[in-house]
Amino acid sequence: YAFLHGDLEEEILMKQPEGFEAPGKEHYACRLLKSLYGLKQSPRQWYKRFDSFMVSQGFDRNSYDCCVYHSKLDNGSMIYLLLYVDDML
């Protein structure tokens, strides 16, 4: 479900899903406003949104691996967040 939270930057049209066609408008297309799970742009859009949130929360992105975030607490301890596809460790 994570991919459903990505905002699209370009206009994407899709055929109406089977069984959900509007009567009399079967040849119309749907304009997507949000990502869909099977859309090629979905993972990238989700990652961009996730990345901007993590940076806004004070985490730094690792310069060698863009899926590793870290933050140093006031007491000197470190927090590491490892992102794998749409799951976090």
C-alpha atoms as a PDB file:
ATOM      1  CA  TYR A   1       0.000   0.000   0.000  1.00  0.00           C
ATOM      2  CA  ALA A   2       2.996   2.310   0.314  1.00  0.00           C
ATOM      3  CA  PHE A   3       3.037   3.062  -3.404  1.00  0.00           C
ATOM      4  CA  LEU A   4      -0.432   4.593  -3.193  1.00  0.00           C
ATOM      5  CA  HIS A   5       1.037   7.598  -1.347  1.00  0.00           C
ATOM      6  CA  GLY A   6       3.237   8.847  -4.190  1.00  0.00           C
ATOM      7  CA  ASP A   7       2.176  11.976  -6.049  1.00  0.00           C
ATOM      8  CA  LEU A   8       2.563  11.920  -9.815  1.00  0.00           C
ATOM      9  CA  GLU A   9       4.548  14.639 -11.570  1.00  0.00           C
ATOM     10  CA  GLU A  10       3.330  13.927 -15.094  1.00  0.00           C
ATOM     11  CA  GLU A  11      -0.093  13.369 -16.600  1.00  0.00           C
ATOM     12  CA  ILE A  12      -0.899   9.661 -16.867  1.00  0.00           C
ATOM     13  CA  LEU A  13      -4.029   8.290 -18.482  1.00  0.00           C
ATOM     14  CA  MET A  14      -5.321   4.738 -18.182  1.00  0.00           C
ATOM     15  CA  LYS A  15      -8.129   2.700 -19.654  1.00  0.00           C
ATOM     16  CA  GLN A  16     -11.180   2.350 -17.413  1.00  0.00           C
ATOM     17  CA  PRO A  17     -10.920  -0.854 -15.346  1.00  0.00           C
ATOM     18  CA  GLU A  18     -13.044  -3.746 -16.580  1.00  0.00           C
ATOM     19  CA  GLY A  19     -16.399  -3.763 -14.796  1.00  0.00           C
ATOM     20  CA  PHE A  20     -16.079  -0.099 -13.803  1.00  0.00           C
ATOM     21  CA  GLU A  21     -16.697   1.560 -17.173  1.00  0.00           C
ATOM     22  CA  ALA A  22     -19.012   4.566 -17.081  1.00  0.00           C
ATOM     23  CA  PRO A  23     -22.170   3.792 -19.099  1.00  0.00           C
ATOM     24  CA  GLY A  24     -22.048   5.544 -22.467  1.00  0.00           C
ATOM     25  CA  LYS A  25     -18.403   6.556 -21.887  1.00  0.00           C
ATOM     26  CA  GLU A  26     -16.679   3.204 -22.371  1.00  0.00           C
ATOM     27  CA  HIS A  27     -14.016   4.752 -24.623  1.00  0.00           C
ATOM     28  CA  TYR A  28     -13.047   7.483 -22.139  1.00  0.00           C
ATOM     29  CA  ALA A  29      -9.790   7.306 -20.193  1.00  0.00           C
ATOM     30  CA  CYS A  30      -9.080   7.938 -16.511  1.00  0.00           C
ATOM     31  CA  ARG A  31      -6.507  10.550 -15.466  1.00  0.00           C
ATOM     32  CA  LEU A  32      -4.475   9.351 -12.495  1.00  0.00           C
ATOM     33  CA  LEU A  33      -3.825  11.779  -9.655  1.00  0.00           C
ATOM     34  CA  LYS A  34      -1.993   9.298  -7.392  1.00  0.00           C
ATOM     35  CA  SER A  35       0.300   6.345  -8.016  1.00  0.00           C
ATOM     36  CA  LEU A  36      -1.040   2.864  -8.575  1.00  0.00           C
ATOM     37  CA  TYR A  37       0.793  -0.267  -7.438  1.00  0.00           C
ATOM     38  CA  GLY A  38       1.634  -1.555 -10.931  1.00  0.00           C
ATOM     39  CA  LEU A  39       2.675   1.824 -12.341  1.00  0.00           C
ATOM     40  CA  LYS A  40       6.344   2.098 -13.352  1.00  0.00           C
ATOM     41  CA  GLN A  41       6.650   5.537 -11.710  1.00  0.00           C
ATOM     42  CA  SER A  42       5.211   4.396  -8.363  1.00  0.00           C
ATOM     43  CA  PRO A  43       8.398   3.243  -6.584  1.00  0.00           C
ATOM     44  CA  ARG A  44      10.324   6.386  -7.519  1.00  0.00           C
ATOM     45  CA  GLN A  45       7.512   8.738  -6.509  1.00  0.00           C
ATOM     46  CA  TRP A  46       7.071   6.927  -3.194  1.00  0.00           C
ATOM     47  CA  TYR A  47      10.817   7.077  -2.495  1.00  0.00           C
ATOM     48  CA  LYS A  48      10.949  10.824  -3.245  1.00  0.00           C
ATOM     49  CA  ARG A  49       8.121  11.469  -0.786  1.00  0.00           C
ATOM     50  CA  PHE A  50       9.711   9.219   1.858  1.00  0.00           C
ATOM     51  CA  ASP A  51      13.126  10.848   1.381  1.00  0.00           C
ATOM     52  CA  SER A  52      11.791  14.385   1.779  1.00  0.00           C
ATOM     53  CA  PHE A  53       9.971  13.334   4.981  1.00  0.00           C
ATOM     54  CA  MET A  54      13.089  11.740   6.493  1.00  0.00           C
ATOM     55  CA  VAL A  55      15.237  14.775   5.692  1.00  0.00           C
ATOM     56  CA  SER A  56      12.582  17.072   7.188  1.00  0.00           C
ATOM     57  CA  GLN A  57      12.759  15.002  10.401  1.00  0.00           C
ATOM     58  CA  GLY A  58      16.494  15.663  10.743  1.00  0.00           C
ATOM     59  CA  PHE A  59      17.859  12.448   9.250  1.00  0.00           C
ATOM     60  CA  ASP A  60      20.830  12.492   6.898  1.00  0.00           C
ATOM     61  CA  ARG A  61      20.989  10.263   3.834  1.00  0.00           C
ATOM     62  CA  ASN A  62      24.101   8.112   3.580  1.00  0.00           C
ATOM     63  CA  SER A  63      26.351   9.299   0.751  1.00  0.00           C
ATOM     64  CA  TYR A  64      27.211   5.716  -0.293  1.00  0.00           C
ATOM     65  CA  ASP A  65      23.760   4.139  -0.089  1.00  0.00           C
ATOM     66  CA  CYS A  66      20.669   6.305  -0.610  1.00  0.00           C
ATOM     67  CA  CYS A  67      18.519   3.794   1.313  1.00  0.00           C
ATOM     68  CA  VAL A  68      20.372   4.289   4.615  1.00  0.00           C
ATOM     69  CA  TYR A  69      19.442   7.216   6.867  1.00  0.00           C
ATOM     70  CA  HIS A  70      21.101   8.196  10.119  1.00  0.00           C
ATOM     71  CA  SER A  71      20.642  10.715  12.888  1.00  0.00           C
ATOM     72  CA  LYS A  72      22.714  11.485  15.977  1.00  0.00           C
ATOM     73  CA  LEU A  73      20.849  12.105  19.232  1.00  0.00           C
ATOM     74  CA  ASP A  74      21.873  14.670  21.853  1.00  0.00           C
ATOM     75  CA  ASN A  75      23.248  11.922  24.131  1.00  0.00           C
ATOM     76  CA  GLY A  76      25.608  10.711  21.383  1.00  0.00           C
ATOM     77  CA  SER A  77      23.677   7.592  20.349  1.00  0.00           C
ATOM     78  CA  MET A  78      22.862   7.003  16.697  1.00  0.00           C
ATOM     79  CA  ILE A  79      19.666   6.021  14.945  1.00  0.00           C
ATOM     80  CA  TYR A  80      20.001   4.127  11.666  1.00  0.00           C
ATOM     81  CA  LEU A  81      17.085   3.484   9.345  1.00  0.00           C
ATOM     82  CA  LEU A  82      17.548   1.024   6.487  1.00  0.00           C
ATOM     83  CA  LEU A  83      15.002   1.149   3.692  1.00  0.00           C
ATOM     84  CA  TYR A  84      14.380  -1.964   1.606  1.00  0.00           C
ATOM     85  CA  VAL A  85      11.848  -1.561  -1.237  1.00  0.00           C
ATOM     86  CA  ASP A  86       8.808  -0.493   0.848  1.00  0.00           C
ATOM     87  CA  ASP A  87       9.889  -1.870   4.219  1.00  0.00           C
ATOM     88  CA  MET A  88      12.137  -0.394   6.938  1.00  0.00           C
ATOM     89  CA  LEU A  89      14.556  -1.951   9.426  1.00  0.00           C
END
